[in-house]
Amino acid sequence: MTNNRYFDLIEETFDLVEMRLEELPEDPDLATAEGVINARFPNGVVFVFSRQPPTEQLWLATPGGGFHYVWDEAAEDWRDTKTGELFREFLPVQLREHAGVEFSWD
């Protein structure tokens, strides 16, 4: 992947994540700075989304662990480097499990 392609994809993903989190009725506290989104939920749980340009990855830290994703062109989604799970399928499950929120990409 070209560096420009990575930045376009990660920017699009982060914009969508931030927009969908802001729409949640639970109103998580969002802090964004230098390629990182920190989302603190009312139950105290924190999710951290970070860009990793040197490796062209998206990293996600949750109470369930740390996850590293690379772009999968065929799936048009970020794929976990260890489990192969897709980011768009994984994130709603983690948010429900740890933050008690119903997250949707729609």
C-alpha atoms as a PDB file:
ATOM      1  CA  MET A   1       0.000   0.000   0.000  1.00  0.00           C
ATOM      2  CA  THR A   2       1.245   3.478  -0.687  1.00  0.00           C
ATOM      3  CA  ASN A   3       1.684   5.840   2.206  1.00  0.00           C
ATOM      4  CA  ASN A   4      -0.943   8.185   0.718  1.00  0.00           C
ATOM      5  CA  ARG A   5      -3.443   5.322   0.485  1.00  0.00           C
ATOM      6  CA  TYR A   6      -2.825   4.443   4.146  1.00  0.00           C
ATOM      7  CA  PHE A   7      -3.423   8.020   5.262  1.00  0.00           C
ATOM      8  CA  ASP A   8      -6.636   8.261   3.219  1.00  0.00           C
ATOM      9  CA  LEU A   9      -7.962   4.989   4.675  1.00  0.00           C
ATOM     10  CA  ILE A  10      -7.005   5.698   8.270  1.00  0.00           C
ATOM     11  CA  GLU A  11      -8.431   9.243   8.073  1.00  0.00           C
ATOM     12  CA  GLU A  12     -11.709   7.925   6.674  1.00  0.00           C
ATOM     13  CA  THR A  13     -11.879   5.239   9.356  1.00  0.00           C
ATOM     14  CA  PHE A  14     -11.082   7.602  12.226  1.00  0.00           C
ATOM     15  CA  ASP A  15     -13.597  10.190  10.990  1.00  0.00           C
ATOM     16  CA  LEU A  16     -16.304   7.519  10.875  1.00  0.00           C
ATOM     17  CA  VAL A  17     -15.397   6.078  14.299  1.00  0.00           C
ATOM     18  CA  GLU A  18     -15.452   9.539  15.856  1.00  0.00           C
ATOM     19  CA  MET A  19     -18.755  10.458  14.208  1.00  0.00           C
ATOM     20  CA  ARG A  20     -20.462   7.206  15.285  1.00  0.00           C
ATOM     21  CA  LEU A  21     -19.139   7.483  18.847  1.00  0.00           C
ATOM     22  CA  GLU A  22     -20.408  11.066  19.098  1.00  0.00           C
ATOM     23  CA  GLU A  23     -23.882   9.869  18.074  1.00  0.00           C
ATOM     24  CA  LEU A  24     -24.131   7.354  20.935  1.00  0.00           C
ATOM     25  CA  PRO A  25     -26.746   8.211  23.582  1.00  0.00           C
ATOM     26  CA  GLU A  26     -24.199   7.266  26.279  1.00  0.00           C
ATOM     27  CA  ASP A  27     -22.184  10.352  25.227  1.00  0.00           C
ATOM     28  CA  PRO A  28     -18.619   9.087  25.680  1.00  0.00           C
ATOM     29  CA  ASP A  29     -15.950  11.691  26.411  1.00  0.00           C
ATOM     30  CA  LEU A  30     -13.823  11.873  23.256  1.00  0.00           C
ATOM     31  CA  ALA A  31     -10.347  13.344  23.132  1.00  0.00           C
ATOM     32  CA  THR A  32      -8.471  13.448  19.849  1.00  0.00           C
ATOM     33  CA  ALA A  33      -4.883  14.476  19.313  1.00  0.00           C
ATOM     34  CA  GLU A  34      -2.027  13.559  16.995  1.00  0.00           C
ATOM     35  CA  GLY A  35      -3.572  10.476  15.438  1.00  0.00           C
ATOM     36  CA  VAL A  36      -5.209   9.130  18.592  1.00  0.00           C
ATOM     37  CA  ILE A  37      -8.837   8.928  19.690  1.00  0.00           C
ATOM     38  CA  ASN A  38      -9.439   8.312  23.401  1.00  0.00           C
ATOM     39  CA  ALA A  39     -13.031   7.387  24.163  1.00  0.00           C
ATOM     40  CA  ARG A  40     -14.007   7.260  27.848  1.00  0.00           C
ATOM     41  CA  PHE A  41     -17.428   5.786  28.556  1.00  0.00           C
ATOM     42  CA  PRO A  42     -19.723   6.498  31.545  1.00  0.00           C
ATOM     43  CA  ASN A  43     -18.719   3.178  33.165  1.00  0.00           C
ATOM     44  CA  GLY A  44     -15.070   4.325  33.180  1.00  0.00           C
ATOM     45  CA  VAL A  45     -13.930   2.086  30.322  1.00  0.00           C
ATOM     46  CA  VAL A  46     -11.494   3.636  27.857  1.00  0.00           C
ATOM     47  CA  PHE A  47     -10.943   2.647  24.234  1.00  0.00           C
ATOM     48  CA  VAL A  48      -7.894   4.025  22.447  1.00  0.00           C
ATOM     49  CA  PHE A  49      -7.661   4.109  18.662  1.00  0.00           C
ATOM     50  CA  SER A  50      -4.277   5.028  17.246  1.00  0.00           C
ATOM     51  CA  ARG A  51      -2.660   5.427  13.869  1.00  0.00           C
ATOM     52  CA  GLN A  52       0.641   3.684  13.255  1.00  0.00           C
ATOM     53  CA  PRO A  53       2.058   5.170  10.037  1.00  0.00           C
ATOM     54  CA  PRO A  54       5.447   3.375  10.176  1.00  0.00           C
ATOM     55  CA  THR A  55       3.698  -0.009   9.984  1.00  0.00           C
ATOM     56  CA  GLU A  56       0.585   1.268   8.166  1.00  0.00           C
ATOM     57  CA  GLN A  57      -1.604  -0.150  10.927  1.00  0.00           C
ATOM     58  CA  LEU A  58      -4.580   0.834  13.041  1.00  0.00           C
ATOM     59  CA  TRP A  59      -4.175  -0.063  16.712  1.00  0.00           C
ATOM     60  CA  LEU A  60      -7.027  -0.503  19.173  1.00  0.00           C
ATOM     61  CA  ALA A  61      -6.638  -0.807  22.933  1.00  0.00           C
ATOM     62  CA  THR A  62      -9.629  -2.036  24.941  1.00  0.00           C
ATOM     63  CA  PRO A  63     -10.066  -3.697  28.336  1.00  0.00           C
ATOM     64  CA  GLY A  64      -9.965  -6.935  26.307  1.00  0.00           C
ATOM     65  CA  GLY A  65      -6.450  -6.287  25.028  1.00  0.00           C
ATOM     66  CA  GLY A  66      -4.467  -4.598  22.303  1.00  0.00           C
ATOM     67  CA  PHE A  67      -5.244  -5.263  18.652  1.00  0.00           C
ATOM     68  CA  HIS A  68      -3.295  -4.410  15.511  1.00  0.00           C
ATOM     69  CA  TYR A  69      -4.984  -4.114  12.130  1.00  0.00           C
ATOM     70  CA  VAL A  70      -3.716  -3.922   8.549  1.00  0.00           C
ATOM     71  CA  TRP A  71      -5.836  -2.913   5.585  1.00  0.00           C
ATOM     72  CA  ASP A  72      -7.371  -5.819   3.659  1.00  0.00           C
ATOM     73  CA  GLU A  73      -8.149  -4.613   0.151  1.00  0.00           C
ATOM     74  CA  ALA A  74     -10.421  -7.591  -0.664  1.00  0.00           C
ATOM     75  CA  ALA A  75     -12.534  -7.126   2.487  1.00  0.00           C
ATOM     76  CA  GLU A  76     -12.366  -3.324   2.319  1.00  0.00           C
ATOM     77  CA  ASP A  77     -11.748  -3.326   6.051  1.00  0.00           C
ATOM     78  CA  TRP A  78      -8.959  -3.489   8.599  1.00  0.00           C
ATOM     79  CA  ARG A  79      -7.982  -7.063   9.514  1.00  0.00           C
ATOM     80  CA  ASP A  80      -6.465  -8.125  12.865  1.00  0.00           C
ATOM     81  CA  THR A  81      -2.887  -9.294  12.343  1.00  0.00           C
ATOM     82  CA  LYS A  82      -3.258 -12.203  14.784  1.00  0.00           C
ATOM     83  CA  THR A  83      -6.861 -13.411  14.625  1.00  0.00           C
ATOM     84  CA  GLY A  84      -7.860 -12.276  11.142  1.00  0.00           C
ATOM     85  CA  GLU A  85     -11.038 -10.656  12.509  1.00  0.00           C
ATOM     86  CA  LEU A  86     -12.329  -7.591  10.720  1.00  0.00           C
ATOM     87  CA  PHE A  87     -12.349  -4.260  12.555  1.00  0.00           C
ATOM     88  CA  ARG A  88     -15.928  -3.339  11.598  1.00  0.00           C
ATOM     89  CA  GLU A  89     -17.241  -6.625  13.008  1.00  0.00           C
ATOM     90  CA  PHE A  90     -15.005  -6.644  16.084  1.00  0.00           C
ATOM     91  CA  LEU A  91     -15.497  -3.084  17.378  1.00  0.00           C
ATOM     92  CA  PRO A  92     -19.271  -3.290  18.048  1.00  0.00           C
ATOM     93  CA  VAL A  93     -18.769  -6.538  19.990  1.00  0.00           C
ATOM     94  CA  GLN A  94     -16.010  -5.020  22.137  1.00  0.00           C
ATOM     95  CA  LEU A  95     -18.031  -1.866  22.803  1.00  0.00           C
ATOM     96  CA  ARG A  96     -21.065  -3.890  23.863  1.00  0.00           C
ATOM     97  CA  GLU A  97     -19.001  -6.206  26.055  1.00  0.00           C
ATOM     98  CA  HIS A  98     -16.825  -3.627  27.819  1.00  0.00           C
ATOM     99  CA  ALA A  99     -18.639  -0.288  27.600  1.00  0.00           C
ATOM    100  CA  GLY A 100     -22.213  -1.553  27.534  1.00  0.00           C
ATOM    101  CA  VAL A 101     -23.094   0.438  24.404  1.00  0.00           C
ATOM    102  CA  GLU A 102     -24.764  -0.518  21.141  1.00  0.00           C
ATOM    103  CA  PHE A 103     -22.529   0.749  18.354  1.00  0.00           C
ATOM    104  CA  SER A 104     -23.539   0.705  14.703  1.00  0.00           C
ATOM    105  CA  TRP A 105     -21.698   1.652  11.538  1.00  0.00           C
ATOM    106  CA  ASP A 106     -24.996   2.697   9.869  1.00  0.00           C
END
